Amino acid sequence: MASSKEFLGFVLDRLSRLSDVSYRAMMGEFVLYYRGKVVGGIYDDRFLLKSTESSRRLMPSAPLELPYEGGKEMIRVDDEKKPIF
């Protein structure tokens, strides 16, 4: 299932306090960049971050999910009641 531009807009709005966030459409999904580096993406209308030491430390209880079959596990961000950053 491809991700919607509406969900992308929602996530970008939540990230608007950060400067230099960009994205690239890729095979029906969206890869997210921060300062030119890949940090995550939108997969099946899910906001997933790369699982790194820093992201796991900041979000220790966030679930890990596969972005697509054969992909590496990523951290799912889905708490709409709290700021992402």
PDB file of N, CA and C in Angstrom:
ATOM      1  N   MET A   1       0.836  -1.174   0.000  1.00  0.00           N
ATOM      2  CA  MET A   1       0.000   0.000   0.000  1.00  0.00           C
ATOM      3  C   MET A   1       0.883   1.240   0.000  1.00  0.00           C
ATOM      4  N   ALA A   2       0.607   2.172  -0.850  1.00  0.00           N
ATOM      5  CA  ALA A   2       1.382   3.415  -0.916  1.00  0.00           C
ATOM      6  C   ALA A   2       0.934   4.370   0.177  1.00  0.00           C
ATOM      7  N   SER A   3       1.841   5.205   0.600  1.00  0.00           N
ATOM      8  CA  SER A   3       1.529   6.214   1.609  1.00  0.00           C
ATOM      9  C   SER A   3       0.876   7.423   0.966  1.00  0.00           C
ATOM     10  N   SER A   4       0.051   8.108   1.749  1.00  0.00           N
ATOM     11  CA  SER A   4      -0.671   9.262   1.227  1.00  0.00           C
ATOM     12  C   SER A   4       0.123  10.556   1.426  1.00  0.00           C
ATOM     13  N   LYS A   5      -0.090  11.488   0.529  1.00  0.00           N
ATOM     14  CA  LYS A   5       0.533  12.806   0.674  1.00  0.00           C
ATOM     15  C   LYS A   5      -0.039  13.540   1.884  1.00  0.00           C
ATOM     16  N   GLU A   6      -1.264  13.213   2.268  1.00  0.00           N
ATOM     17  CA  GLU A   6      -1.862  13.826   3.450  1.00  0.00           C
ATOM     18  C   GLU A   6      -1.100  13.424   4.715  1.00  0.00           C
ATOM     19  N   PHE A   7      -0.736  12.131   4.818  1.00  0.00           N
ATOM     20  CA  PHE A   7       0.021  11.689   5.984  1.00  0.00           C
ATOM     21  C   PHE A   7       1.420  12.294   5.964  1.00  0.00           C
ATOM     22  N   LEU A   8       2.027  12.366   4.797  1.00  0.00           N
ATOM     23  CA  LEU A   8       3.330  13.023   4.680  1.00  0.00           C
ATOM     24  C   LEU A   8       3.227  14.458   5.180  1.00  0.00           C
ATOM     25  N   GLY A   9       2.196  15.176   4.759  1.00  0.00           N
ATOM     26  CA  GLY A   9       2.002  16.553   5.204  1.00  0.00           C
ATOM     27  C   GLY A   9       1.845  16.654   6.709  1.00  0.00           C
ATOM     28  N   PHE A  10       1.116  15.701   7.303  1.00  0.00           N
ATOM     29  CA  PHE A  10       0.941  15.663   8.757  1.00  0.00           C
ATOM     30  C   PHE A  10       2.300  15.527   9.454  1.00  0.00           C
ATOM     31  N   VAL A  11       3.114  14.591   8.992  1.00  0.00           N
ATOM     32  CA  VAL A  11       4.430  14.365   9.607  1.00  0.00           C
ATOM     33  C   VAL A  11       5.323  15.586   9.402  1.00  0.00           C
ATOM     34  N   LEU A  12       5.352  16.134   8.199  1.00  0.00           N
ATOM     35  CA  LEU A  12       6.182  17.315   7.947  1.00  0.00           C
ATOM     36  C   LEU A  12       5.741  18.492   8.805  1.00  0.00           C
ATOM     37  N   ASP A  13       4.439  18.614   9.037  1.00  0.00           N
ATOM     38  CA  ASP A  13       3.942  19.666   9.919  1.00  0.00           C
ATOM     39  C   ASP A  13       4.466  19.467  11.329  1.00  0.00           C
ATOM     40  N   ARG A  14       4.461  18.219  11.796  1.00  0.00           N
ATOM     41  CA  ARG A  14       4.968  17.918  13.142  1.00  0.00           C
ATOM     42  C   ARG A  14       6.469  18.173  13.249  1.00  0.00           C
ATOM     43  N   LEU A  15       7.180  18.068  12.134  1.00  0.00           N
ATOM     44  CA  LEU A  15       8.632  18.289  12.124  1.00  0.00           C
ATOM     45  C   LEU A  15       9.004  19.720  11.762  1.00  0.00           C
ATOM     46  N   SER A  16       8.024  20.595  11.627  1.00  0.00           N
ATOM     47  CA  SER A  16       8.276  21.946  11.108  1.00  0.00           C
ATOM     48  C   SER A  16       9.180  22.788  11.996  1.00  0.00           C
ATOM     49  N   ARG A  17       9.339  22.427  13.255  1.00  0.00           N
ATOM     50  CA  ARG A  17      10.251  23.176  14.138  1.00  0.00           C
ATOM     51  C   ARG A  17      11.713  22.916  13.790  1.00  0.00           C
ATOM     52  N   LEU A  18      11.964  21.840  13.077  1.00  0.00           N
ATOM     53  CA  LEU A  18      13.332  21.524  12.647  1.00  0.00           C
ATOM     54  C   LEU A  18      13.589  22.171  11.291  1.00  0.00           C
ATOM     55  N   SER A  19      14.763  22.741  11.137  1.00  0.00           N
ATOM     56  CA  SER A  19      15.100  23.287   9.825  1.00  0.00           C
ATOM     57  C   SER A  19      15.790  22.211   8.996  1.00  0.00           C
ATOM     58  N   ASP A  20      15.696  22.342   7.703  1.00  0.00           N
ATOM     59  CA  ASP A  20      16.390  21.466   6.770  1.00  0.00           C
ATOM     60  C   ASP A  20      15.874  20.028   6.756  1.00  0.00           C
ATOM     61  N   VAL A  21      14.550  19.857   6.893  1.00  0.00           N
ATOM     62  CA  VAL A  21      13.926  18.542   6.717  1.00  0.00           C
ATOM     63  C   VAL A  21      13.426  18.483   5.277  1.00  0.00           C
ATOM     64  N   SER A  22      13.724  17.403   4.602  1.00  0.00           N
ATOM     65  CA  SER A  22      13.259  17.240   3.225  1.00  0.00           C
ATOM     66  C   SER A  22      12.816  15.791   3.024  1.00  0.00           C
ATOM     67  N   TYR A  23      12.253  15.535   1.864  1.00  0.00           N
ATOM     68  CA  TYR A  23      11.797  14.178   1.574  1.00  0.00           C
ATOM     69  C   TYR A  23      11.953  13.904   0.093  1.00  0.00           C
ATOM     70  N   ARG A  24      11.897  12.632  -0.235  1.00  0.00           N
ATOM     71  CA  ARG A  24      11.934  12.184  -1.626  1.00  0.00           C
ATOM     72  C   ARG A  24      10.938  11.041  -1.770  1.00  0.00           C
ATOM     73  N   ALA A  25      10.085  11.162  -2.766  1.00  0.00           N
ATOM     74  CA  ALA A  25       9.149  10.082  -3.062  1.00  0.00           C
ATOM     75  C   ALA A  25       9.929   8.913  -3.657  1.00  0.00           C
ATOM     76  N   MET A  26       9.615   7.698  -3.190  1.00  0.00           N
ATOM     77  CA  MET A  26      10.321   6.528  -3.678  1.00  0.00           C
ATOM     78  C   MET A  26       9.394   5.321  -3.654  1.00  0.00           C
ATOM     79  N   MET A  27       8.994   4.849  -4.814  1.00  0.00           N
ATOM     80  CA  MET A  27       8.175   3.651  -4.970  1.00  0.00           C
ATOM     81  C   MET A  27       6.903   3.707  -4.116  1.00  0.00           C
ATOM     82  N   GLY A  28       6.212   4.828  -4.134  1.00  0.00           N
ATOM     83  CA  GLY A  28       4.962   4.967  -3.407  1.00  0.00           C
ATOM     84  C   GLY A  28       5.114   5.326  -1.942  1.00  0.00           C
ATOM     85  N   GLU A  29       6.324   5.454  -1.488  1.00  0.00           N
ATOM     86  CA  GLU A  29       6.596   5.825  -0.097  1.00  0.00           C
ATOM     87  C   GLU A  29       7.433   7.101  -0.098  1.00  0.00           C
ATOM     88  N   PHE A  30       7.837   7.570   1.090  1.00  0.00           N
ATOM     89  CA  PHE A  30       8.606   8.801   1.192  1.00  0.00           C
ATOM     90  C   PHE A  30       9.789   8.600   2.130  1.00  0.00           C
ATOM     91  N   VAL A  31      10.985   8.914   1.654  1.00  0.00           N
ATOM     92  CA  VAL A  31      12.187   8.851   2.480  1.00  0.00           C
ATOM     93  C   VAL A  31      12.394  10.246   3.058  1.00  0.00           C
ATOM     94  N   LEU A  32      12.645  10.325   4.377  1.00  0.00           N
ATOM     95  CA  LEU A  32      12.846  11.603   5.045  1.00  0.00           C
ATOM     96  C   LEU A  32      14.323  11.855   5.304  1.00  0.00           C
ATOM     97  N   TYR A  33      14.728  13.102   5.094  1.00  0.00           N
ATOM     98  CA  TYR A  33      16.113  13.523   5.278  1.00  0.00           C
ATOM     99  C   TYR A  33      16.167  14.659   6.285  1.00  0.00           C
ATOM    100  N   TYR A  34      17.199  14.683   7.079  1.00  0.00           N
ATOM    101  CA  TYR A  34      17.478  15.815   7.968  1.00  0.00           C
ATOM    102  C   TYR A  34      18.908  16.239   7.700  1.00  0.00           C
ATOM    103  N   ARG A  35      19.045  17.485   7.280  1.00  0.00           N
ATOM    104  CA  ARG A  35      20.370  18.023   6.913  1.00  0.00           C
ATOM    105  C   ARG A  35      21.072  17.136   5.884  1.00  0.00           C
ATOM    106  N   GLY A  36      20.281  16.603   4.962  1.00  0.00           N
ATOM    107  CA  GLY A  36      20.820  15.815   3.860  1.00  0.00           C
ATOM    108  C   GLY A  36      21.068  14.353   4.153  1.00  0.00           C
ATOM    109  N   LYS A  37      20.803  13.902   5.380  1.00  0.00           N
ATOM    110  CA  LYS A  37      21.023  12.498   5.738  1.00  0.00           C
ATOM    111  C   LYS A  37      19.689  11.799   5.939  1.00  0.00           C
ATOM    112  N   VAL A  38      19.604  10.555   5.508  1.00  0.00           N
ATOM    113  CA  VAL A  38      18.384   9.768   5.691  1.00  0.00           C
ATOM    114  C   VAL A  38      18.179   9.510   7.180  1.00  0.00           C
ATOM    115  N   VAL A  39      16.992   9.860   7.681  1.00  0.00           N
ATOM    116  CA  VAL A  39      16.667   9.625   9.085  1.00  0.00           C
ATOM    117  C   VAL A  39      15.479   8.697   9.262  1.00  0.00           C
ATOM    118  N   GLY A  40      14.740   8.454   8.202  1.00  0.00           N
ATOM    119  CA  GLY A  40      13.570   7.602   8.303  1.00  0.00           C
ATOM    120  C   GLY A  40      12.706   7.727   7.073  1.00  0.00           C
ATOM    121  N   GLY A  41      11.412   7.481   7.279  1.00  0.00           N
ATOM    122  CA  GLY A  41      10.521   7.577   6.133  1.00  0.00           C
ATOM    123  C   GLY A  41       9.075   7.337   6.512  1.00  0.00           C
ATOM    124  N   ILE A  42       8.235   7.466   5.507  1.00  0.00           N
ATOM    125  CA  ILE A  42       6.813   7.178   5.629  1.00  0.00           C
ATOM    126  C   ILE A  42       6.577   5.905   4.824  1.00  0.00           C
ATOM    127  N   TYR A  43       6.141   4.862   5.501  1.00  0.00           N
ATOM    128  CA  TYR A  43       5.903   3.562   4.876  1.00  0.00           C
ATOM    129  C   TYR A  43       4.504   3.097   5.260  1.00  0.00           C
ATOM    130  N   ASP A  44       3.646   2.870   4.276  1.00  0.00           N
ATOM    131  CA  ASP A  44       2.261   2.443   4.548  1.00  0.00           C
ATOM    132  C   ASP A  44       1.592   3.363   5.568  1.00  0.00           C
ATOM    133  N   ASP A  45       1.781   4.669   5.388  1.00  0.00           N
ATOM    134  CA  ASP A  45       1.238   5.687   6.300  1.00  0.00           C
ATOM    135  C   ASP A  45       1.668   5.470   7.749  1.00  0.00           C
ATOM    136  N   ARG A  46       2.914   5.049   7.919  1.00  0.00           N
ATOM    137  CA  ARG A  46       3.544   4.935   9.242  1.00  0.00           C
ATOM    138  C   ARG A  46       4.817   5.760   9.213  1.00  0.00           C
ATOM    139  N   PHE A  47       5.060   6.539  10.260  1.00  0.00           N
ATOM    140  CA  PHE A  47       6.279   7.335  10.380  1.00  0.00           C
ATOM    141  C   PHE A  47       7.307   6.469  11.098  1.00  0.00           C
ATOM    142  N   LEU A  48       8.362   6.078  10.382  1.00  0.00           N
ATOM    143  CA  LEU A  48       9.401   5.217  10.933  1.00  0.00           C
ATOM    144  C   LEU A  48      10.745   5.934  10.900  1.00  0.00           C
ATOM    145  N   LEU A  49      11.485   5.850  12.011  1.00  0.00           N
ATOM    146  CA  LEU A  49      12.823   6.421  12.107  1.00  0.00           C
ATOM    147  C   LEU A  49      13.861   5.308  12.077  1.00  0.00           C
ATOM    148  N   LYS A  50      15.047   5.643  11.552  1.00  0.00           N
ATOM    149  CA  LYS A  50      16.144   4.681  11.596  1.00  0.00           C
ATOM    150  C   LYS A  50      16.418   4.327  13.047  1.00  0.00           C
ATOM    151  N   SER A  51      16.681   3.080  13.289  1.00  0.00           N
ATOM    152  CA  SER A  51      17.010   2.627  14.634  1.00  0.00           C
ATOM    153  C   SER A  51      18.508   2.807  14.846  1.00  0.00           C
ATOM    154  N   THR A  52      18.842   3.840  15.607  1.00  0.00           N
ATOM    155  CA  THR A  52      20.239   4.125  15.931  1.00  0.00           C
ATOM    156  C   THR A  52      20.378   4.160  17.448  1.00  0.00           C
ATOM    157  N   GLU A  53      21.582   4.215  17.933  1.00  0.00           N
ATOM    158  CA  GLU A  53      21.796   4.305  19.376  1.00  0.00           C
ATOM    159  C   GLU A  53      21.068   5.529  19.944  1.00  0.00           C
ATOM    160  N   SER A  54      21.169   6.651  19.260  1.00  0.00           N
ATOM    161  CA  SER A  54      20.529   7.884  19.734  1.00  0.00           C
ATOM    162  C   SER A  54      19.012   7.795  19.700  1.00  0.00           C
ATOM    163  N   SER A  55      18.448   7.290  18.608  1.00  0.00           N
ATOM    164  CA  SER A  55      16.986   7.223  18.517  1.00  0.00           C
ATOM    165  C   SER A  55      16.418   6.224  19.523  1.00  0.00           C
ATOM    166  N   ARG A  56      17.111   5.139  19.768  1.00  0.00           N
ATOM    167  CA  ARG A  56      16.637   4.168  20.765  1.00  0.00           C
ATOM    168  C   ARG A  56      16.732   4.748  22.175  1.00  0.00           C
ATOM    169  N   ARG A  57      17.755   5.556  22.435  1.00  0.00           N
ATOM    170  CA  ARG A  57      17.902   6.186  23.744  1.00  0.00           C
ATOM    171  C   ARG A  57      16.790   7.218  23.975  1.00  0.00           C
ATOM    172  N   LEU A  58      16.424   7.972  22.931  1.00  0.00           N
ATOM    173  CA  LEU A  58      15.382   8.987  23.052  1.00  0.00           C
ATOM    174  C   LEU A  58      13.975   8.400  23.092  1.00  0.00           C
ATOM    175  N   MET A  59      13.798   7.222  22.490  1.00  0.00           N
ATOM    176  CA  MET A  59      12.471   6.598  22.411  1.00  0.00           C
ATOM    177  C   MET A  59      12.576   5.121  22.790  1.00  0.00           C
ATOM    178  N   PRO A  60      12.947   4.835  24.039  1.00  0.00           N
ATOM    179  CA  PRO A  60      13.226   3.440  24.418  1.00  0.00           C
ATOM    180  C   PRO A  60      12.031   2.494  24.356  1.00  0.00           C
ATOM    181  N   SER A  61      10.826   3.003  24.505  1.00  0.00           N
ATOM    182  CA  SER A  61       9.669   2.109  24.514  1.00  0.00           C
ATOM    183  C   SER A  61       8.930   2.061  23.179  1.00  0.00           C
ATOM    184  N   ALA A  62       9.436   2.785  22.185  1.00  0.00           N
ATOM    185  CA  ALA A  62       8.782   2.790  20.871  1.00  0.00           C
ATOM    186  C   ALA A  62       8.948   1.426  20.203  1.00  0.00           C
ATOM    187  N   PRO A  63       7.902   0.959  19.540  1.00  0.00           N
ATOM    188  CA  PRO A  63       7.983  -0.360  18.885  1.00  0.00           C
ATOM    189  C   PRO A  63       8.865  -0.336  17.637  1.00  0.00           C
ATOM    190  N   LEU A  64       9.458  -1.465  17.351  1.00  0.00           N
ATOM    191  CA  LEU A  64      10.243  -1.634  16.127  1.00  0.00           C
ATOM    192  C   LEU A  64       9.368  -2.339  15.095  1.00  0.00           C
ATOM    193  N   GLU A  65       9.413  -1.850  13.860  1.00  0.00           N
ATOM    194  CA  GLU A  65       8.631  -2.442  12.786  1.00  0.00           C
ATOM    195  C   GLU A  65       9.451  -2.473  11.505  1.00  0.00           C
ATOM    196  N   LEU A  66       9.087  -3.377  10.624  1.00  0.00           N
ATOM    197  CA  LEU A  66       9.733  -3.446   9.316  1.00  0.00           C
ATOM    198  C   LEU A  66       9.057  -2.456   8.373  1.00  0.00           C
ATOM    199  N   PRO A  67       9.834  -1.654   7.651  1.00  0.00           N
ATOM    200  CA  PRO A  67       9.225  -0.719   6.701  1.00  0.00           C
ATOM    201  C   PRO A  67       8.611  -1.457   5.505  1.00  0.00           C
ATOM    202  N   TYR A  68       9.230  -2.561   5.131  1.00  0.00           N
ATOM    203  CA  TYR A  68       8.794  -3.389   4.003  1.00  0.00           C
ATOM    204  C   TYR A  68       9.470  -4.740   4.172  1.00  0.00           C
ATOM    205  N   GLU A  69       8.967  -5.734   3.490  1.00  0.00           N
ATOM    206  CA  GLU A  69       9.531  -7.076   3.596  1.00  0.00           C
ATOM    207  C   GLU A  69      11.005  -7.050   3.195  1.00  0.00           C
ATOM    208  N   GLY A  70      11.846  -7.573   4.073  1.00  0.00           N
ATOM    209  CA  GLY A  70      13.276  -7.625   3.807  1.00  0.00           C
ATOM    210  C   GLY A  70      14.039  -6.406   4.296  1.00  0.00           C
ATOM    211  N   GLY A  71      13.326  -5.383   4.803  1.00  0.00           N
ATOM    212  CA  GLY A  71      13.980  -4.176   5.311  1.00  0.00           C
ATOM    213  C   GLY A  71      14.474  -4.365   6.741  1.00  0.00           C
ATOM    214  N   LYS A  72      15.248  -3.394   7.212  1.00  0.00           N
ATOM    215  CA  LYS A  72      15.721  -3.413   8.596  1.00  0.00           C
ATOM    216  C   LYS A  72      14.657  -2.817   9.502  1.00  0.00           C
ATOM    217  N   GLU A  73      14.580  -3.306  10.726  1.00  0.00           N
ATOM    218  CA  GLU A  73      13.616  -2.771  11.681  1.00  0.00           C
ATOM    219  C   GLU A  73      13.883  -1.293  11.931  1.00  0.00           C
ATOM    220  N   MET A  74      12.786  -0.547  12.058  1.00  0.00           N
ATOM    221  CA  MET A  74      12.854   0.888  12.311  1.00  0.00           C
ATOM    222  C   MET A  74      11.930   1.205  13.480  1.00  0.00           C
ATOM    223  N   ILE A  75      12.123   2.357  14.080  1.00  0.00           N
ATOM    224  CA  ILE A  75      11.322   2.784  15.220  1.00  0.00           C
ATOM    225  C   ILE A  75      10.059   3.464  14.723  1.00  0.00           C
ATOM    226  N   ARG A  76       8.914   2.981  15.186  1.00  0.00           N
ATOM    227  CA  ARG A  76       7.643   3.584  14.789  1.00  0.00           C
ATOM    228  C   ARG A  76       7.311   4.748  15.723  1.00  0.00           C
ATOM    229  N   VAL A  77       6.997   5.892  15.125  1.00  0.00           N
ATOM    230  CA  VAL A  77       6.586   7.073  15.872  1.00  0.00           C
ATOM    231  C   VAL A  77       5.090   7.220  15.640  1.00  0.00           C
ATOM    232  N   ASP A  78       4.303   7.087  16.713  1.00  0.00           N
ATOM    233  CA  ASP A  78       2.865   7.157  16.491  1.00  0.00           C
ATOM    234  C   ASP A  78       2.090   7.812  17.627  1.00  0.00           C
ATOM    235  N   ASP A  79       2.756   8.493  18.533  1.00  0.00           N
ATOM    236  CA  ASP A  79       2.058   9.151  19.633  1.00  0.00           C
ATOM    237  C   ASP A  79       1.706  10.574  19.232  1.00  0.00           C
ATOM    238  N   GLU A  80       0.463  10.792  18.829  1.00  0.00           N
ATOM    239  CA  GLU A  80       0.041  12.099  18.358  1.00  0.00           C
ATOM    240  C   GLU A  80      -0.180  13.099  19.482  1.00  0.00           C
ATOM    241  N   LYS A  81      -0.178  12.652  20.726  1.00  0.00           N
ATOM    242  CA  LYS A  81      -0.442  13.553  21.845  1.00  0.00           C
ATOM    243  C   LYS A  81       0.803  14.255  22.341  1.00  0.00           C
ATOM    244  N   LYS A  82       1.975  13.763  21.975  1.00  0.00           N
ATOM    245  CA  LYS A  82       3.225  14.350  22.444  1.00  0.00           C
ATOM    246  C   LYS A  82       4.010  14.871  21.244  1.00  0.00           C
ATOM    247  N   PRO A  83       4.803  15.928  21.446  1.00  0.00           N
ATOM    248  CA  PRO A  83       5.660  16.384  20.344  1.00  0.00           C
ATOM    249  C   PRO A  83       6.664  15.312  19.979  1.00  0.00           C
ATOM    250  N   ILE A  84       7.003  15.237  18.718  1.00  0.00           N
ATOM    251  CA  ILE A  84       7.977  14.261  18.243  1.00  0.00           C
ATOM    252  C   ILE A  84       9.357  14.609  18.802  1.00  0.00           C
ATOM    253  N   PHE A  85       9.698  15.902  18.779  1.00  0.00           N
ATOM    254  CA  PHE A  85      11.000  16.351  19.287  1.00  0.00           C
ATOM    255  C   PHE A  85      10.796  17.449  20.289  1.00  0.00           C
TER     256      PHE A  85
END
